[in-house]
Amino acid sequence: MIIAVDFDGTIVQHKYPEIGSEIPFAIESLIALQKEGHQLILWTYRTEEMLFEAVDYCEKRGLEFYAVNSNYPEEEFDDTVSRKIYADLYIDDRNFGGLPEWEVIFRDISTQNLVLEKESKTKKVLTRFLDKFFGD
């Protein structure tokens, strides 16, 4: 998936224009999602020097984005076109209901967990089937 991720209030606590403290498990979760093959786009209100600070903050912690405030790395900023980013999923503290814990976000997105859930459901169905037809 292509996942657009906000910075302030999502990766770090809201202290804009400064950088707040890291929200627990944000960076680790995003790196793990990248390792599963998801493309991450940093999608933030920050521009110019404040944007460079946010990108640098993430890079120093091992998180590099596929693109920053753009759909792909080579995209040129054009202020005559909407800055809307295309993504399959948006992670932002301004979501309806707010930002879930990062453990919940990772569990719900992770392809590894989807496979485990599918296997678990398949085992439950198979167990019920076997119990129904071959049980005591």
N, C-alpha and C. Protein backbone atom coordinates (compact mmCIF):
# COMPACT_ATOMS: atom_id res chain seq x y z
N MET A 1 0.83 -1.19 0.00
CA MET A 1 0.00 0.00 0.00
C MET A 1 0.87 1.25 0.00
N ILE A 2 0.30 2.31 -0.48
CA ILE A 2 0.89 3.64 -0.33
C ILE A 2 0.23 4.26 0.90
N ILE A 3 1.05 4.63 1.88
CA ILE A 3 0.53 5.16 3.14
C ILE A 3 1.06 6.57 3.33
N ALA A 4 0.16 7.54 3.43
CA ALA A 4 0.53 8.93 3.71
C ALA A 4 0.47 9.14 5.22
N VAL A 5 1.57 9.66 5.78
CA VAL A 5 1.68 9.80 7.23
C VAL A 5 1.95 11.27 7.58
N ASP A 6 1.15 11.80 8.47
CA ASP A 6 1.35 13.16 8.98
C ASP A 6 2.52 13.14 9.97
N PHE A 7 3.06 14.29 10.29
CA PHE A 7 4.19 14.37 11.21
C PHE A 7 3.76 14.87 12.60
N ASP A 8 3.34 16.12 12.69
CA ASP A 8 2.98 16.71 13.99
C ASP A 8 1.70 16.10 14.53
N GLY A 9 1.78 15.54 15.73
CA GLY A 9 0.62 14.92 16.34
C GLY A 9 0.45 13.46 15.94
N THR A 10 1.28 12.99 15.01
CA THR A 10 1.16 11.61 14.51
C THR A 10 2.45 10.83 14.76
N ILE A 11 3.58 11.38 14.34
CA ILE A 11 4.87 10.76 14.61
C ILE A 11 5.46 11.36 15.89
N VAL A 12 5.27 12.67 16.06
CA VAL A 12 5.72 13.37 17.27
C VAL A 12 4.55 14.12 17.90
N GLN A 13 4.69 14.44 19.19
CA GLN A 13 3.67 15.23 19.87
C GLN A 13 3.54 16.59 19.19
N HIS A 14 2.35 17.17 19.25
CA HIS A 14 2.11 18.48 18.63
C HIS A 14 2.83 19.59 19.40
N LYS A 15 3.85 20.16 18.78
CA LYS A 15 4.57 21.31 19.34
C LYS A 15 4.92 22.28 18.22
N TYR A 16 4.22 22.17 17.09
CA TYR A 16 4.50 22.99 15.90
C TYR A 16 4.61 24.46 16.29
N PRO A 17 5.61 25.17 15.85
CA PRO A 17 6.57 24.85 14.80
C PRO A 17 7.79 24.06 15.27
N GLU A 18 7.92 23.84 16.59
CA GLU A 18 9.01 23.01 17.08
C GLU A 18 8.67 21.54 16.86
N ILE A 19 9.62 20.67 17.11
CA ILE A 19 9.38 19.23 17.01
C ILE A 19 9.14 18.69 18.41
N GLY A 20 7.99 18.10 18.60
CA GLY A 20 7.65 17.53 19.90
C GLY A 20 8.36 16.21 20.13
N SER A 21 8.12 15.62 21.29
CA SER A 21 8.72 14.32 21.59
C SER A 21 8.04 13.23 20.77
N GLU A 22 8.81 12.20 20.48
CA GLU A 22 8.30 11.11 19.64
C GLU A 22 7.14 10.40 20.31
N ILE A 23 6.13 10.09 19.54
CA ILE A 23 5.01 9.29 20.04
C ILE A 23 5.49 7.83 20.08
N PRO A 24 5.31 7.16 21.22
CA PRO A 24 5.84 5.80 21.36
C PRO A 24 5.43 4.87 20.20
N PHE A 25 6.43 4.17 19.68
CA PHE A 25 6.31 3.14 18.64
C PHE A 25 5.98 3.67 17.25
N ALA A 26 5.92 5.00 17.07
CA ALA A 26 5.60 5.55 15.75
C ALA A 26 6.68 5.18 14.74
N ILE A 27 7.92 5.53 15.02
CA ILE A 27 9.02 5.29 14.09
C ILE A 27 9.20 3.79 13.86
N GLU A 28 9.21 3.01 14.94
CA GLU A 28 9.39 1.56 14.82
C GLU A 28 8.29 0.92 13.97
N SER A 29 7.07 1.35 14.18
CA SER A 29 5.94 0.80 13.41
C SER A 29 6.06 1.14 11.93
N LEU A 30 6.44 2.37 11.64
CA LEU A 30 6.57 2.79 10.25
C LEU A 30 7.71 2.07 9.55
N ILE A 31 8.83 1.89 10.23
CA ILE A 31 9.94 1.14 9.65
C ILE A 31 9.53 -0.30 9.38
N ALA A 32 8.82 -0.91 10.31
CA ALA A 32 8.36 -2.29 10.13
C ALA A 32 7.39 -2.39 8.95
N LEU A 33 6.52 -1.40 8.78
CA LEU A 33 5.60 -1.42 7.63
C LEU A 33 6.37 -1.27 6.32
N GLN A 34 7.41 -0.46 6.32
CA GLN A 34 8.26 -0.34 5.12
C GLN A 34 8.90 -1.67 4.79
N LYS A 35 9.36 -2.38 5.79
CA LYS A 35 10.01 -3.67 5.58
C LYS A 35 9.04 -4.68 4.97
N GLU A 36 7.76 -4.49 5.19
CA GLU A 36 6.74 -5.35 4.59
C GLU A 36 6.43 -4.95 3.15
N GLY A 37 7.02 -3.84 2.68
CA GLY A 37 6.84 -3.43 1.30
C GLY A 37 5.92 -2.24 1.09
N HIS A 38 5.39 -1.67 2.14
CA HIS A 38 4.53 -0.50 2.00
C HIS A 38 5.38 0.73 1.67
N GLN A 39 4.87 1.62 0.83
CA GLN A 39 5.54 2.88 0.51
C GLN A 39 4.98 3.96 1.41
N LEU A 40 5.86 4.67 2.09
CA LEU A 40 5.43 5.72 3.00
C LEU A 40 5.73 7.09 2.41
N ILE A 41 4.73 7.95 2.50
CA ILE A 41 4.87 9.34 2.08
C ILE A 41 4.68 10.21 3.32
N LEU A 42 5.64 11.10 3.57
CA LEU A 42 5.45 12.08 4.64
C LEU A 42 4.53 13.16 4.08
N TRP A 43 3.41 13.35 4.74
CA TRP A 43 2.36 14.26 4.27
C TRP A 43 2.08 15.24 5.40
N THR A 44 2.66 16.44 5.32
CA THR A 44 2.63 17.35 6.45
C THR A 44 2.40 18.79 5.99
N TYR A 45 1.93 19.60 6.90
CA TYR A 45 1.74 21.02 6.66
C TYR A 45 3.08 21.75 6.60
N ARG A 46 4.11 21.15 7.17
CA ARG A 46 5.43 21.79 7.23
C ARG A 46 5.98 22.04 5.84
N THR A 47 6.69 23.17 5.71
CA THR A 47 7.37 23.51 4.46
C THR A 47 8.75 24.06 4.78
N GLU A 48 9.55 24.18 3.75
CA GLU A 48 10.88 24.79 3.81
C GLU A 48 11.70 24.26 4.98
N GLU A 49 12.28 25.15 5.81
CA GLU A 49 13.21 24.72 6.87
C GLU A 49 12.53 23.79 7.88
N MET A 50 11.28 24.07 8.24
CA MET A 50 10.58 23.21 9.20
C MET A 50 10.34 21.82 8.63
N LEU A 51 10.13 21.73 7.32
CA LEU A 51 9.98 20.43 6.66
C LEU A 51 11.30 19.67 6.69
N PHE A 52 12.40 20.36 6.36
CA PHE A 52 13.72 19.72 6.40
C PHE A 52 14.02 19.19 7.80
N GLU A 53 13.64 19.92 8.83
CA GLU A 53 13.85 19.48 10.21
C GLU A 53 13.08 18.19 10.49
N ALA A 54 11.85 18.11 10.02
CA ALA A 54 11.04 16.91 10.24
C ALA A 54 11.63 15.71 9.50
N VAL A 55 12.03 15.91 8.26
CA VAL A 55 12.62 14.83 7.47
C VAL A 55 13.91 14.36 8.13
N ASP A 56 14.73 15.31 8.56
CA ASP A 56 16.00 15.00 9.22
C ASP A 56 15.75 14.23 10.52
N TYR A 57 14.75 14.65 11.28
CA TYR A 57 14.39 13.98 12.53
C TYR A 57 14.11 12.50 12.27
N CYS A 58 13.32 12.22 11.24
CA CYS A 58 12.97 10.84 10.92
C CYS A 58 14.18 10.06 10.40
N GLU A 59 14.95 10.67 9.51
CA GLU A 59 16.11 9.99 8.94
C GLU A 59 17.13 9.62 10.01
N LYS A 60 17.33 10.48 11.00
CA LYS A 60 18.27 10.18 12.09
C LYS A 60 17.82 8.98 12.91
N ARG A 61 16.56 8.64 12.82
CA ARG A 61 16.01 7.49 13.55
C ARG A 61 15.80 6.28 12.64
N GLY A 62 16.30 6.39 11.41
CA GLY A 62 16.25 5.25 10.48
C GLY A 62 15.03 5.20 9.59
N LEU A 63 14.20 6.23 9.60
CA LEU A 63 12.99 6.25 8.78
C LEU A 63 13.17 7.19 7.60
N GLU A 64 13.21 6.63 6.40
CA GLU A 64 13.29 7.44 5.18
C GLU A 64 12.02 7.21 4.38
N PHE A 65 11.45 8.28 3.89
CA PHE A 65 10.19 8.22 3.17
C PHE A 65 10.40 8.05 1.68
N TYR A 66 9.45 7.38 1.02
CA TYR A 66 9.46 7.24 -0.43
C TYR A 66 9.36 8.62 -1.07
N ALA A 67 8.50 9.47 -0.52
CA ALA A 67 8.32 10.83 -1.03
C ALA A 67 7.91 11.73 0.14
N VAL A 68 8.07 13.03 -0.05
CA VAL A 68 7.73 14.00 0.98
C VAL A 68 6.83 15.07 0.37
N ASN A 69 5.61 15.16 0.89
CA ASN A 69 4.61 16.11 0.40
C ASN A 69 4.43 16.05 -1.12
N SER A 70 4.60 14.86 -1.66
CA SER A 70 4.40 14.65 -3.10
C SER A 70 4.04 13.18 -3.31
N ASN A 71 3.54 12.89 -4.50
CA ASN A 71 3.13 11.52 -4.80
C ASN A 71 4.31 10.61 -5.13
N TYR A 72 5.39 11.20 -5.62
CA TYR A 72 6.58 10.43 -5.96
C TYR A 72 7.78 11.37 -5.84
N PRO A 73 8.97 10.83 -5.66
CA PRO A 73 10.14 11.67 -5.37
C PRO A 73 10.44 12.74 -6.42
N GLU A 74 10.19 12.45 -7.69
CA GLU A 74 10.55 13.39 -8.75
C GLU A 74 9.50 14.46 -9.02
N GLU A 75 8.38 14.39 -8.33
CA GLU A 75 7.29 15.33 -8.59
C GLU A 75 7.72 16.75 -8.22
N GLU A 76 7.48 17.68 -9.11
CA GLU A 76 7.80 19.10 -8.89
C GLU A 76 6.60 19.78 -8.24
N PHE A 77 6.86 20.60 -7.23
CA PHE A 77 5.78 21.32 -6.58
C PHE A 77 5.23 22.37 -7.54
N ASP A 78 3.91 22.40 -7.66
CA ASP A 78 3.24 23.36 -8.54
C ASP A 78 2.08 23.94 -7.73
N ASP A 79 2.17 25.21 -7.35
CA ASP A 79 1.14 25.80 -6.50
C ASP A 79 -0.18 26.06 -7.23
N THR A 80 -0.25 25.72 -8.53
CA THR A 80 -1.51 25.86 -9.26
C THR A 80 -2.33 24.57 -9.21
N VAL A 81 -1.74 23.52 -8.65
CA VAL A 81 -2.38 22.21 -8.58
C VAL A 81 -2.58 21.85 -7.11
N SER A 82 -3.66 21.15 -6.84
CA SER A 82 -3.94 20.73 -5.47
C SER A 82 -2.76 19.94 -4.90
N ARG A 83 -2.46 20.17 -3.63
CA ARG A 83 -1.37 19.45 -2.96
C ARG A 83 -1.84 18.12 -2.40
N LYS A 84 -3.02 17.69 -2.79
CA LYS A 84 -3.55 16.43 -2.28
C LYS A 84 -2.66 15.27 -2.70
N ILE A 85 -2.36 14.41 -1.78
CA ILE A 85 -1.51 13.25 -2.01
C ILE A 85 -2.41 12.04 -2.25
N TYR A 86 -2.06 11.24 -3.25
CA TYR A 86 -2.79 9.98 -3.45
C TYR A 86 -2.18 8.94 -2.53
N ALA A 87 -3.02 8.22 -1.80
CA ALA A 87 -2.56 7.12 -0.95
C ALA A 87 -3.70 6.14 -0.76
N ASP A 88 -3.34 4.93 -0.41
CA ASP A 88 -4.35 3.92 -0.07
C ASP A 88 -4.86 4.13 1.35
N LEU A 89 -4.01 4.76 2.16
CA LEU A 89 -4.32 4.94 3.57
C LEU A 89 -3.65 6.21 4.07
N TYR A 90 -4.32 6.94 4.94
CA TYR A 90 -3.79 8.16 5.54
C TYR A 90 -3.75 7.97 7.06
N ILE A 91 -2.58 8.22 7.66
CA ILE A 91 -2.46 8.15 9.12
C ILE A 91 -2.23 9.57 9.61
N ASP A 92 -3.19 10.08 10.38
CA ASP A 92 -3.18 11.48 10.79
C ASP A 92 -3.92 11.61 12.11
N ASP A 93 -3.39 12.43 13.02
CA ASP A 93 -4.04 12.63 14.31
C ASP A 93 -5.38 13.34 14.18
N ARG A 94 -5.66 13.92 13.03
CA ARG A 94 -6.92 14.63 12.83
C ARG A 94 -8.02 13.73 12.29
N ASN A 95 -7.75 12.41 12.26
CA ASN A 95 -8.78 11.47 11.83
C ASN A 95 -10.00 11.60 12.73
N PHE A 96 -11.14 11.23 12.21
CA PHE A 96 -12.34 11.15 13.04
C PHE A 96 -12.05 10.10 14.11
N GLY A 97 -12.14 10.49 15.36
CA GLY A 97 -11.81 9.56 16.44
C GLY A 97 -10.37 9.68 16.91
N GLY A 98 -9.58 10.52 16.24
CA GLY A 98 -8.20 10.73 16.68
C GLY A 98 -7.25 9.66 16.20
N LEU A 99 -6.07 9.65 16.78
CA LEU A 99 -5.01 8.72 16.40
C LEU A 99 -5.01 7.53 17.35
N PRO A 100 -5.23 6.32 16.82
CA PRO A 100 -5.13 5.14 17.69
C PRO A 100 -3.69 4.94 18.16
N GLU A 101 -3.48 4.08 19.13
CA GLU A 101 -2.12 3.73 19.56
C GLU A 101 -1.39 3.12 18.36
N TRP A 102 -0.08 3.34 18.27
CA TRP A 102 0.69 2.83 17.14
C TRP A 102 0.69 1.31 17.08
N GLU A 103 0.58 0.63 18.21
CA GLU A 103 0.50 -0.83 18.19
C GLU A 103 -0.76 -1.28 17.45
N VAL A 104 -1.87 -0.56 17.65
CA VAL A 104 -3.12 -0.86 16.98
C VAL A 104 -3.01 -0.58 15.48
N ILE A 105 -2.41 0.55 15.14
CA ILE A 105 -2.22 0.89 13.73
C ILE A 105 -1.40 -0.19 13.04
N PHE A 106 -0.27 -0.57 13.65
CA PHE A 106 0.59 -1.60 13.03
C PHE A 106 -0.16 -2.91 12.89
N ARG A 107 -0.83 -3.34 13.95
CA ARG A 107 -1.56 -4.62 13.90
C ARG A 107 -2.60 -4.62 12.79
N ASP A 108 -3.30 -3.50 12.62
CA ASP A 108 -4.36 -3.44 11.62
C ASP A 108 -3.84 -3.35 10.19
N ILE A 109 -2.65 -2.79 9.99
CA ILE A 109 -2.10 -2.63 8.65
C ILE A 109 -1.16 -3.76 8.26
N SER A 110 -0.43 -4.30 9.20
CA SER A 110 0.63 -5.26 8.92
C SER A 110 0.13 -6.46 8.14
N THR A 111 0.79 -6.73 7.02
CA THR A 111 0.42 -7.91 6.22
C THR A 111 0.76 -9.18 6.99
N GLN A 112 1.77 -9.13 7.82
CA GLN A 112 2.15 -10.28 8.62
C GLN A 112 0.99 -10.66 9.55
N ASN A 113 0.38 -9.67 10.18
CA ASN A 113 -0.73 -9.94 11.08
C ASN A 113 -1.97 -10.39 10.33
N LEU A 114 -2.18 -9.87 9.11
CA LEU A 114 -3.32 -10.34 8.32
C LEU A 114 -3.19 -11.81 7.99
N VAL A 115 -1.99 -12.25 7.66
CA VAL A 115 -1.76 -13.67 7.38
C VAL A 115 -2.02 -14.50 8.63
N LEU A 116 -1.53 -14.05 9.78
CA LEU A 116 -1.75 -14.78 11.02
C LEU A 116 -3.23 -14.85 11.37
N GLU A 117 -3.96 -13.74 11.19
CA GLU A 117 -5.40 -13.74 11.46
C GLU A 117 -6.12 -14.71 10.54
N LYS A 118 -5.75 -14.71 9.26
CA LYS A 118 -6.39 -15.60 8.29
C LYS A 118 -6.13 -17.05 8.66
N GLU A 119 -4.87 -17.36 9.03
CA GLU A 119 -4.54 -18.72 9.43
C GLU A 119 -5.32 -19.12 10.67
N SER A 120 -5.43 -18.19 11.63
CA SER A 120 -6.15 -18.46 12.86
C SER A 120 -7.63 -18.73 12.58
N LYS A 121 -8.25 -17.91 11.71
CA LYS A 121 -9.65 -18.11 11.36
C LYS A 121 -9.84 -19.43 10.63
N THR A 122 -8.90 -19.75 9.73
CA THR A 122 -8.98 -21.01 8.99
C THR A 122 -8.90 -22.18 9.95
N LYS A 123 -8.00 -22.12 10.93
CA LYS A 123 -7.86 -23.20 11.91
C LYS A 123 -9.14 -23.35 12.72
N LYS A 124 -9.76 -22.22 13.11
CA LYS A 124 -11.00 -22.28 13.89
C LYS A 124 -12.12 -22.93 13.07
N VAL A 125 -12.24 -22.56 11.80
CA VAL A 125 -13.27 -23.13 10.94
C VAL A 125 -13.01 -24.62 10.75
N LEU A 126 -11.77 -24.99 10.50
CA LEU A 126 -11.42 -26.40 10.31
C LEU A 126 -11.68 -27.19 11.58
N THR A 127 -11.33 -26.63 12.73
CA THR A 127 -11.57 -27.31 14.00
C THR A 127 -13.06 -27.53 14.22
N ARG A 128 -13.89 -26.52 13.96
CA ARG A 128 -15.35 -26.67 14.11
C ARG A 128 -15.89 -27.72 13.15
N PHE A 129 -15.37 -27.71 11.92
CA PHE A 129 -15.80 -28.71 10.91
C PHE A 129 -15.46 -30.12 11.38
N LEU A 130 -14.22 -30.31 11.83
CA LEU A 130 -13.78 -31.63 12.26
C LEU A 130 -14.55 -32.07 13.50
N ASP A 131 -14.78 -31.16 14.44
CA ASP A 131 -15.54 -31.49 15.64
C ASP A 131 -16.98 -31.87 15.30
N LYS A 132 -17.57 -31.16 14.34
CA LYS A 132 -18.96 -31.42 13.97
C LYS A 132 -19.11 -32.80 13.33
N PHE A 133 -18.19 -33.16 12.45
CA PHE A 133 -18.35 -34.41 11.72
C PHE A 133 -17.58 -35.58 12.30
N PHE A 134 -16.56 -35.33 13.08
CA PHE A 134 -15.75 -36.42 13.58
C PHE A 134 -15.62 -36.42 15.09
N GLY A 135 -16.27 -35.44 15.74
CA GLY A 135 -16.18 -35.32 17.19
C GLY A 135 -16.98 -36.41 17.88
N ASP A 136 -16.82 -36.50 19.20
CA ASP A 136 -17.53 -37.52 19.98
C ASP A 136 -19.01 -37.34 19.90
